[in-house]
Amino acid sequence: MNCFRFRLPAALGLCAVLSAPAFAAEPLSVTVHRLTLDTAERIAQGAIKACRAKGLQVSATVVDRNGIVQATLRDTLAPPVSLAISRQKAFTAAMFGIKGTAMGQQTASPLALLGDGLAFTAGSVPIEAGGRMYGAVGVSGAPDGRVDEECAQAGLDAVLPDLEMQ
């Protein structure tokens, strides 16, 4: 009986100590990094300016990691349809985490037939910095999607050094 009196509290104490790290090891919440509105606008403006320097009028859309629009701009003479297309390009790049020019295989997939706001075409780049995915930028309006993508990359490059330092 004496032996039981000392073993039970010791056993309960040992169980408490051993189970404590299991509860503490897994967090109960997550931290999601997002671009500020000012940063999203700087990216969109940088993309517009890069295309203007090439004599092109385009639209640029920046989306967050969930594909939700944060900023969208249409240059004065950019075709109105370029707004929707730039959003679709940005959305697709955010969902797949790759540039539009790297989406060749997806164009033949059943996903391409679904629609759902996807655009498996050149003209978008994911916004990644410091090991974090922030979203994507899509551009539309140039005669070639690769030129759209160059402008999207230029918009991202306008803020990338600052994002990398965070």
Protein backbone atom coordinates (compact mmCIF):
# COMPACT_ATOMS: atom_id res chain seq x y z
CA MET A 1 0.00 0.00 0.00
CA ASN A 2 2.83 2.37 0.87
CA CYS A 3 4.43 1.66 -2.47
CA PHE A 4 1.19 2.52 -4.34
CA ARG A 5 0.91 5.83 -2.52
CA PHE A 6 4.22 7.01 -3.98
CA ARG A 7 3.94 5.45 -7.43
CA LEU A 8 0.57 6.94 -8.41
CA PRO A 9 1.58 10.60 -7.95
CA ALA A 10 4.92 9.92 -9.60
CA ALA A 11 3.23 8.24 -12.57
CA LEU A 12 0.71 11.08 -12.95
CA GLY A 13 3.49 13.64 -12.78
CA LEU A 14 5.52 11.80 -15.41
CA CYS A 15 2.49 11.63 -17.73
CA ALA A 16 1.92 15.36 -17.36
CA VAL A 17 5.55 16.16 -18.14
CA LEU A 18 5.69 13.85 -21.16
CA SER A 19 2.41 15.05 -22.67
CA ALA A 20 3.14 18.79 -22.29
CA PRO A 21 5.45 19.04 -25.33
CA ALA A 22 2.82 17.34 -27.50
CA PHE A 23 0.36 20.15 -26.79
CA ALA A 24 2.94 22.90 -27.26
CA ALA A 25 4.45 21.49 -30.49
CA GLU A 26 1.49 22.32 -32.71
CA PRO A 27 0.39 25.97 -32.92
CA LEU A 28 -3.27 26.83 -32.70
CA SER A 29 -3.10 29.58 -35.32
CA VAL A 30 -1.13 30.58 -38.42
CA THR A 31 0.44 33.82 -39.54
CA VAL A 32 -0.26 34.87 -43.11
CA HIS A 33 1.93 37.53 -44.67
CA ARG A 34 0.13 39.93 -46.99
CA LEU A 35 1.13 42.83 -49.15
CA THR A 36 0.00 46.25 -48.05
CA LEU A 37 -2.29 48.17 -50.39
CA ASP A 38 0.56 50.61 -51.11
CA THR A 39 2.86 47.75 -52.13
CA ALA A 40 0.22 46.17 -54.37
CA GLU A 41 -0.37 49.55 -56.02
CA ARG A 42 3.39 50.04 -56.54
CA ILE A 43 3.58 46.66 -58.30
CA ALA A 44 0.63 47.45 -60.58
CA GLN A 45 1.97 50.94 -61.31
CA GLY A 46 5.44 49.54 -62.05
CA ALA A 47 3.95 47.08 -64.54
CA ILE A 48 1.97 49.85 -66.27
CA LYS A 49 5.07 52.07 -66.46
CA ALA A 50 7.19 49.26 -67.91
CA CYS A 51 4.68 48.68 -70.69
CA ARG A 52 4.30 52.41 -71.31
CA ALA A 53 8.06 52.56 -71.87
CA LYS A 54 7.49 50.03 -74.69
CA GLY A 55 4.69 52.19 -76.12
CA LEU A 56 1.94 49.85 -74.85
CA GLN A 57 -1.24 50.54 -72.92
CA VAL A 58 -2.16 47.66 -70.58
CA SER A 59 -4.05 46.69 -67.45
CA ALA A 60 -2.34 45.25 -64.38
CA THR A 61 -3.91 43.36 -61.47
CA VAL A 62 -2.30 42.30 -58.20
CA VAL A 63 -3.98 39.54 -56.19
CA ASP A 64 -3.19 38.12 -52.77
CA ARG A 65 -2.24 34.48 -52.18
CA ASN A 66 -5.94 33.54 -52.26
CA GLY A 67 -6.45 35.17 -55.65
CA ILE A 68 -8.44 38.10 -54.25
CA VAL A 69 -7.79 41.41 -56.01
CA GLN A 70 -5.78 43.94 -54.04
CA ALA A 71 -5.07 46.47 -56.79
CA THR A 72 -6.02 46.85 -60.42
CA LEU A 73 -5.15 49.58 -62.90
CA ARG A 74 -6.05 50.17 -66.53
CA ASP A 75 -3.96 52.60 -68.52
CA THR A 76 -5.86 55.31 -70.38
CA LEU A 77 -6.12 53.58 -73.76
CA ALA A 78 -5.83 49.94 -72.67
CA PRO A 79 -8.62 47.76 -74.05
CA PRO A 80 -11.46 47.34 -71.51
CA VAL A 81 -11.27 43.54 -71.85
CA SER A 82 -7.68 43.68 -70.57
CA LEU A 83 -8.98 44.33 -67.03
CA ALA A 84 -10.69 40.94 -66.74
CA ILE A 85 -7.84 39.12 -68.48
CA SER A 86 -5.17 40.64 -66.21
CA ARG A 87 -7.20 39.50 -63.19
CA GLN A 88 -7.54 35.98 -64.58
CA LYS A 89 -3.82 35.78 -65.29
CA ALA A 90 -2.95 36.97 -61.78
CA PHE A 91 -5.48 34.60 -60.20
CA THR A 92 -4.08 31.61 -62.10
CA ALA A 93 -0.46 32.45 -61.19
CA ALA A 94 -1.44 32.77 -57.52
CA MET A 95 -3.31 29.46 -57.52
CA PHE A 96 -0.52 27.50 -59.22
CA GLY A 97 2.49 29.49 -57.99
CA ILE A 98 4.16 29.67 -61.40
CA LYS A 99 4.65 32.20 -64.19
CA GLY A 100 2.21 32.26 -67.05
CA THR A 101 4.91 31.20 -69.52
CA ALA A 102 5.49 28.04 -67.44
CA MET A 103 1.86 26.90 -67.68
CA GLY A 104 2.12 25.06 -70.97
CA GLN A 105 1.15 21.67 -69.55
CA GLN A 106 -1.90 23.07 -67.77
CA THR A 107 -3.42 24.32 -71.03
CA ALA A 108 -4.02 20.69 -72.02
CA SER A 109 -5.44 19.72 -68.62
CA PRO A 110 -9.15 19.43 -67.78
CA LEU A 111 -8.72 22.51 -65.58
CA ALA A 112 -8.38 24.67 -68.68
CA LEU A 113 -11.87 23.62 -69.76
CA LEU A 114 -13.47 24.52 -66.45
CA GLY A 115 -13.06 28.23 -66.78
CA ASP A 116 -13.51 29.41 -63.20
CA GLY A 117 -11.47 32.52 -63.86
CA LEU A 118 -8.35 30.65 -64.94
CA ALA A 119 -6.09 31.82 -67.76
CA PHE A 120 -3.24 29.44 -68.59
CA THR A 121 -1.32 31.93 -70.67
CA ALA A 122 1.74 34.16 -70.49
CA GLY A 123 1.48 37.47 -68.71
CA SER A 124 1.71 36.78 -64.98
CA VAL A 125 4.25 36.19 -62.25
CA PRO A 126 3.82 34.96 -58.68
CA ILE A 127 4.89 37.38 -55.96
CA GLU A 128 7.36 35.45 -53.81
CA ALA A 129 10.00 36.91 -51.55
CA GLY A 130 11.90 35.77 -48.50
CA GLY A 131 10.49 32.26 -48.83
CA ARG A 132 6.92 33.56 -48.65
CA MET A 133 4.14 33.52 -51.23
CA TYR A 134 2.29 36.83 -51.30
CA GLY A 135 0.16 36.51 -54.43
CA ALA A 136 0.66 37.33 -58.10
CA VAL A 137 0.56 40.09 -60.68
CA GLY A 138 -1.07 39.73 -64.08
CA VAL A 139 -0.84 42.05 -67.09
CA SER A 140 -2.91 42.15 -70.26
CA GLY A 141 -3.05 44.39 -73.31
CA ALA A 142 0.27 43.87 -75.09
CA PRO A 143 0.17 42.08 -78.45
CA ASP A 144 2.14 39.17 -76.94
CA GLY A 145 1.70 37.57 -73.51
CA ARG A 146 5.47 37.39 -73.05
CA VAL A 147 5.61 41.17 -73.22
CA ASP A 148 2.78 41.31 -70.65
CA GLU A 149 4.88 39.03 -68.45
CA GLU A 150 7.98 41.21 -68.84
CA CYS A 151 5.94 44.16 -67.61
CA ALA A 152 4.50 42.12 -64.72
CA GLN A 153 8.04 41.13 -63.71
CA ALA A 154 9.16 44.78 -63.91
CA GLY A 155 6.31 45.73 -61.56
CA LEU A 156 7.38 43.05 -59.10
CA ASP A 157 11.04 44.05 -59.43
CA ALA A 158 10.08 47.57 -58.28
CA VAL A 159 9.37 46.23 -54.76
CA LEU A 160 11.22 42.90 -54.63
CA PRO A 161 14.36 44.13 -52.83
CA ASP A 162 12.22 45.63 -50.06
CA LEU A 163 10.11 42.47 -49.77
CA GLU A 164 13.21 40.28 -49.61
CA MET A 165 14.53 42.31 -46.66
CA GLN A 166 11.45 41.66 -44.50
